[in-house]
N, C-alpha and C. Protein backbone atom coordinates (compact mmCIF):
# COMPACT_ATOMS: atom_id res chain seq x y z
N MET A 1 -17.42 17.72 10.77
CA MET A 1 -17.15 16.65 9.82
C MET A 1 -15.57 16.85 9.30
N ALA A 2 -15.22 15.69 9.08
CA ALA A 2 -13.71 15.61 8.73
C ALA A 2 -13.60 15.15 7.28
N LEU A 3 -12.34 15.41 6.70
CA LEU A 3 -12.07 14.87 5.38
C LEU A 3 -11.23 13.54 5.34
N ALA A 4 -11.32 12.96 4.28
CA ALA A 4 -10.34 11.71 4.33
C ALA A 4 -9.65 11.62 3.00
N ILE A 5 -8.66 11.18 2.73
CA ILE A 5 -8.00 10.88 1.58
C ILE A 5 -8.22 9.30 0.87
N ASP A 6 -8.68 9.34 -0.36
CA ASP A 6 -8.73 7.99 -1.00
C ASP A 6 -7.51 7.62 -1.37
N ALA A 7 -6.94 6.46 -0.62
CA ALA A 7 -5.55 5.92 -0.85
C ALA A 7 -5.32 5.47 -2.25
N GLU A 8 -6.31 5.04 -2.92
CA GLU A 8 -6.15 4.39 -4.19
C GLU A 8 -5.84 5.46 -5.19
N GLU A 9 -6.44 6.63 -4.97
CA GLU A 9 -6.39 7.68 -5.92
C GLU A 9 -5.17 8.72 -5.68
N CYS A 10 -4.67 8.77 -4.39
CA CYS A 10 -3.66 9.55 -4.05
C CYS A 10 -2.27 9.27 -4.73
N VAL A 11 -1.73 10.36 -5.38
CA VAL A 11 -0.55 10.10 -6.19
C VAL A 11 0.67 10.48 -5.23
N ILE A 12 0.55 10.80 -3.99
CA ILE A 12 1.46 11.26 -2.88
C ILE A 12 2.41 12.40 -3.36
N CYS A 13 1.58 13.42 -3.98
CA CYS A 13 2.28 14.71 -4.33
C CYS A 13 2.84 15.44 -3.25
N SER A 14 2.31 15.41 -2.11
CA SER A 14 2.68 16.28 -0.83
C SER A 14 2.19 17.69 -0.93
N ALA A 15 1.12 18.04 -1.89
CA ALA A 15 0.76 19.27 -1.81
C ALA A 15 -0.19 19.67 -0.81
N CYS A 16 -0.91 18.47 -0.03
CA CYS A 16 -1.87 18.81 1.08
C CYS A 16 -1.41 18.93 2.39
N GLU A 17 -0.30 18.52 2.58
CA GLU A 17 0.40 18.41 3.96
C GLU A 17 0.75 19.76 4.41
N PRO A 18 1.58 20.43 3.78
CA PRO A 18 2.05 21.65 4.21
C PRO A 18 0.91 22.67 4.20
N ILE A 19 -0.03 22.78 3.69
CA ILE A 19 -0.89 23.81 3.51
C ILE A 19 -2.15 23.57 4.41
N CYS A 20 -2.10 22.42 5.39
CA CYS A 20 -3.15 22.17 6.36
C CYS A 20 -2.96 23.10 7.64
N PRO A 21 -3.77 23.96 7.98
CA PRO A 21 -3.50 24.79 9.11
C PRO A 21 -3.58 23.97 10.34
N ASN A 22 -4.09 22.89 10.43
CA ASN A 22 -4.44 22.15 11.84
C ASN A 22 -3.54 21.21 11.90
N GLN A 23 -2.56 20.97 10.90
CA GLN A 23 -1.43 19.74 10.92
C GLN A 23 -2.04 18.48 11.05
N ALA A 24 -3.25 18.26 10.30
CA ALA A 24 -4.12 17.11 10.50
C ALA A 24 -3.51 16.11 9.41
N ILE A 25 -2.72 16.47 8.26
CA ILE A 25 -2.43 15.54 7.45
C ILE A 25 -1.03 15.09 7.63
N SER A 26 -0.77 13.77 7.55
CA SER A 26 0.60 13.20 7.48
C SER A 26 0.77 12.10 6.65
N ARG A 27 1.86 11.59 6.52
CA ARG A 27 2.13 10.43 5.60
C ARG A 27 2.26 9.16 6.31
N ASN A 28 1.62 8.16 5.85
CA ASN A 28 1.93 6.87 6.47
C ASN A 28 2.83 6.05 5.48
N GLU A 29 2.89 4.78 5.52
CA GLU A 29 3.84 3.89 4.62
C GLU A 29 3.31 4.09 3.07
N LYS A 30 1.99 4.29 2.83
CA LYS A 30 1.74 4.02 1.45
C LYS A 30 1.03 5.35 0.87
N THR A 31 0.62 6.15 1.72
CA THR A 31 -0.12 7.56 1.14
C THR A 31 -0.16 8.55 2.27
N PHE A 32 -0.94 9.44 2.05
CA PHE A 32 -1.09 10.69 3.07
C PHE A 32 -2.45 10.28 3.74
N VAL A 33 -2.62 10.58 5.00
CA VAL A 33 -3.77 10.41 5.83
C VAL A 33 -4.21 11.62 6.47
N ILE A 34 -5.51 11.66 6.94
CA ILE A 34 -6.05 13.04 7.70
C ILE A 34 -6.76 12.49 8.83
N ASP A 35 -6.11 13.05 9.93
CA ASP A 35 -6.45 12.70 11.27
C ASP A 35 -7.84 13.53 11.49
N ALA A 36 -8.76 12.67 11.67
CA ALA A 36 -10.22 13.11 11.73
C ALA A 36 -10.37 13.90 13.05
N LYS A 37 -9.65 13.88 14.03
CA LYS A 37 -9.76 14.56 15.26
C LYS A 37 -9.22 15.86 15.24
N LEU A 38 -8.39 16.09 14.10
CA LEU A 38 -7.61 17.40 14.02
C LEU A 38 -8.15 18.37 12.85
N CYS A 39 -8.97 17.40 11.90
CA CYS A 39 -9.42 18.25 10.74
C CYS A 39 -10.81 19.01 11.13
N THR A 40 -10.64 20.28 10.81
CA THR A 40 -11.78 21.11 10.81
C THR A 40 -12.26 21.60 9.48
N GLU A 41 -11.89 21.04 8.38
CA GLU A 41 -12.15 21.45 6.97
C GLU A 41 -11.78 23.02 6.85
N CYS A 42 -10.82 23.49 7.52
CA CYS A 42 -10.22 24.70 7.44
C CYS A 42 -11.03 25.80 8.07
N GLU A 43 -12.00 25.21 8.82
CA GLU A 43 -13.01 26.50 9.31
C GLU A 43 -12.42 27.25 10.34
N GLY A 44 -12.66 28.52 10.27
CA GLY A 44 -11.98 29.48 11.15
C GLY A 44 -10.54 29.89 10.54
N PHE A 45 -10.01 29.29 9.49
CA PHE A 45 -8.85 29.70 8.88
C PHE A 45 -9.22 30.21 7.33
N PHE A 46 -10.00 29.46 6.79
CA PHE A 46 -10.32 29.68 5.31
C PHE A 46 -11.81 29.48 4.94
N ASN A 47 -12.25 29.72 3.83
CA ASN A 47 -13.65 29.59 3.61
C ASN A 47 -14.03 28.30 3.03
N THR A 48 -12.92 27.66 2.33
CA THR A 48 -12.97 26.24 1.77
C THR A 48 -11.71 25.51 2.25
N PRO A 49 -11.89 24.19 2.46
CA PRO A 49 -10.85 23.14 2.67
C PRO A 49 -9.42 23.50 1.63
N GLN A 50 -8.31 23.89 2.20
CA GLN A 50 -7.30 24.06 1.46
C GLN A 50 -6.73 22.77 0.77
N CYS A 51 -6.69 21.65 1.45
CA CYS A 51 -6.36 20.53 1.02
C CYS A 51 -7.11 20.29 -0.45
N VAL A 52 -8.34 20.33 -0.26
CA VAL A 52 -9.16 20.07 -1.40
C VAL A 52 -8.62 20.95 -2.71
N SER A 53 -8.54 22.23 -2.32
CA SER A 53 -8.23 23.10 -3.47
C SER A 53 -6.86 22.86 -4.03
N VAL A 54 -5.77 22.30 -3.35
CA VAL A 54 -4.58 22.09 -4.06
C VAL A 54 -4.35 20.68 -4.47
N CYS A 55 -5.30 19.84 -4.26
CA CYS A 55 -5.08 18.34 -4.64
C CYS A 55 -5.28 18.04 -6.23
N PRO A 56 -4.12 17.71 -6.87
CA PRO A 56 -4.23 17.53 -8.31
C PRO A 56 -5.11 16.53 -8.89
N VAL A 57 -5.60 15.77 -8.09
CA VAL A 57 -6.26 14.29 -8.47
C VAL A 57 -7.72 14.22 -7.77
N ASP A 58 -8.02 15.32 -6.90
CA ASP A 58 -9.29 15.33 -6.38
C ASP A 58 -9.60 13.93 -5.63
N CYS A 59 -8.67 13.74 -4.77
CA CYS A 59 -8.78 12.46 -3.92
C CYS A 59 -9.29 12.56 -2.38
N ILE A 60 -9.53 14.05 -2.27
CA ILE A 60 -9.91 14.32 -0.79
C ILE A 60 -11.42 14.38 -0.89
N HIS A 61 -12.09 13.74 0.00
CA HIS A 61 -13.41 13.82 0.11
C HIS A 61 -14.09 13.76 1.51
N PRO A 62 -15.24 14.19 1.77
CA PRO A 62 -15.92 13.96 3.21
C PRO A 62 -15.58 12.70 3.72
N ALA A 63 -15.15 12.38 5.00
CA ALA A 63 -14.85 11.13 5.47
C ALA A 63 -16.11 10.27 5.54
N GLU A 64 -17.37 10.75 5.76
CA GLU A 64 -18.43 9.89 5.80
C GLU A 64 -18.81 9.38 4.35
N THR A 65 -18.36 9.94 3.34
CA THR A 65 -18.63 9.52 2.13
C THR A 65 -17.73 8.33 1.45
N MET A 66 -16.58 8.02 2.44
CA MET A 66 -15.66 7.10 2.12
C MET A 66 -16.09 5.72 2.48
N LEU A 67 -15.79 4.78 1.73
CA LEU A 67 -16.00 3.25 1.96
C LEU A 67 -14.92 2.93 2.93
N PRO A 68 -15.41 2.25 4.14
CA PRO A 68 -14.31 1.52 4.89
C PRO A 68 -13.17 0.80 4.08
N ILE A 69 -13.54 0.12 3.16
CA ILE A 69 -12.72 -0.63 2.29
C ILE A 69 -13.07 -0.36 0.93
N PRO A 70 -12.06 0.17 -0.09
CA PRO A 70 -12.71 0.48 -1.40
C PRO A 70 -13.10 -0.66 -2.19
N THR A 71 -14.27 -0.59 -3.16
CA THR A 71 -14.74 -1.74 -3.70
C THR A 71 -13.76 -2.51 -4.46
N VAL A 72 -12.76 -1.95 -4.91
CA VAL A 72 -11.79 -2.80 -5.62
C VAL A 72 -10.95 -3.75 -4.63
N LYS A 73 -10.64 -3.16 -3.68
CA LYS A 73 -10.04 -4.13 -2.66
C LYS A 73 -10.85 -5.00 -2.12
N ARG A 74 -12.22 -4.72 -1.78
CA ARG A 74 -13.18 -5.69 -1.29
C ARG A 74 -13.42 -6.93 -2.29
N ALA A 75 -13.25 -6.61 -3.50
CA ALA A 75 -13.43 -7.86 -4.46
C ALA A 75 -12.11 -8.61 -4.45
N LYS A 76 -11.10 -8.11 -4.35
CA LYS A 76 -9.91 -8.87 -4.25
C LYS A 76 -9.82 -9.60 -2.96
N LEU A 77 -10.30 -9.04 -1.81
CA LEU A 77 -10.19 -9.69 -0.55
C LEU A 77 -11.24 -11.00 -0.68
N TYR A 78 -12.48 -10.74 -1.32
CA TYR A 78 -13.24 -11.73 -1.50
C TYR A 78 -12.65 -13.02 -2.34
N GLN A 79 -12.09 -12.52 -3.15
CA GLN A 79 -11.58 -13.70 -4.11
C GLN A 79 -10.51 -14.39 -3.23
N GLN A 80 -9.61 -13.70 -2.60
CA GLN A 80 -8.57 -14.43 -1.57
C GLN A 80 -9.29 -15.46 -0.61
N VAL A 81 -10.37 -14.85 -0.07
CA VAL A 81 -10.96 -15.88 0.89
C VAL A 81 -11.60 -16.88 0.21
N VAL A 82 -12.27 -16.96 -0.98
CA VAL A 82 -12.76 -18.01 -1.67
C VAL A 82 -11.58 -19.07 -1.92
N LYS A 83 -10.39 -18.43 -2.40
CA LYS A 83 -9.33 -19.43 -2.63
C LYS A 83 -8.80 -20.22 -1.55
N LEU A 84 -8.82 -19.40 -0.28
CA LEU A 84 -8.48 -20.04 1.11
C LEU A 84 -9.46 -21.20 1.44
N PHE A 85 -10.73 -21.02 1.22
CA PHE A 85 -11.58 -21.84 1.82
C PHE A 85 -12.13 -22.90 0.77
N ASN A 86 -11.75 -22.69 -0.61
CA ASN A 86 -12.18 -23.67 -1.49
C ASN A 86 -10.80 -24.65 -2.00
N LYS A 87 -9.69 -24.58 -1.07
CA LYS A 87 -8.68 -25.47 -1.37
C LYS A 87 -9.01 -26.81 -0.81
N PRO A 88 -8.57 -27.80 -1.60
CA PRO A 88 -8.88 -29.20 -1.04
C PRO A 88 -7.95 -29.62 -0.05
N ASP A 89 -8.41 -30.27 0.89
CA ASP A 89 -7.58 -30.63 2.21
C ASP A 89 -6.50 -31.68 1.73
N LYS A 90 -5.37 -31.44 2.27
CA LYS A 90 -4.20 -32.28 2.00
C LYS A 90 -4.46 -33.65 2.68
N LYS A 91 -4.67 -34.67 1.91
CA LYS A 91 -4.90 -36.05 2.74
C LYS A 91 -3.54 -36.51 2.88
N THR A 92 -3.45 -37.19 4.06
CA THR A 92 -2.17 -38.19 4.20
C THR A 92 -2.72 -39.53 4.26
N TYR A 93 -1.83 -40.26 3.71
CA TYR A 93 -2.22 -41.71 3.45
C TYR A 93 -1.42 -42.66 4.32
């Protein structure tokens, strides 16, 4: 099983990246991410995942418990779709 970082909770403190023994954590444009193919939850190195132990906001969780799209974003996406499809057609006369 791998870990994942909740992008909405991450404060981009950089504490997790250097402590990862597998170099599975990297930064993208908005936050840090964990490469699931490289993450072993520190098995074979430490008794507990080191990124979880140093995270000041507790935003690192098992990947399978993470929603593909956070609920808040899902609601915003839905509102955008409603706006797009409920726009009256421009009529040309």
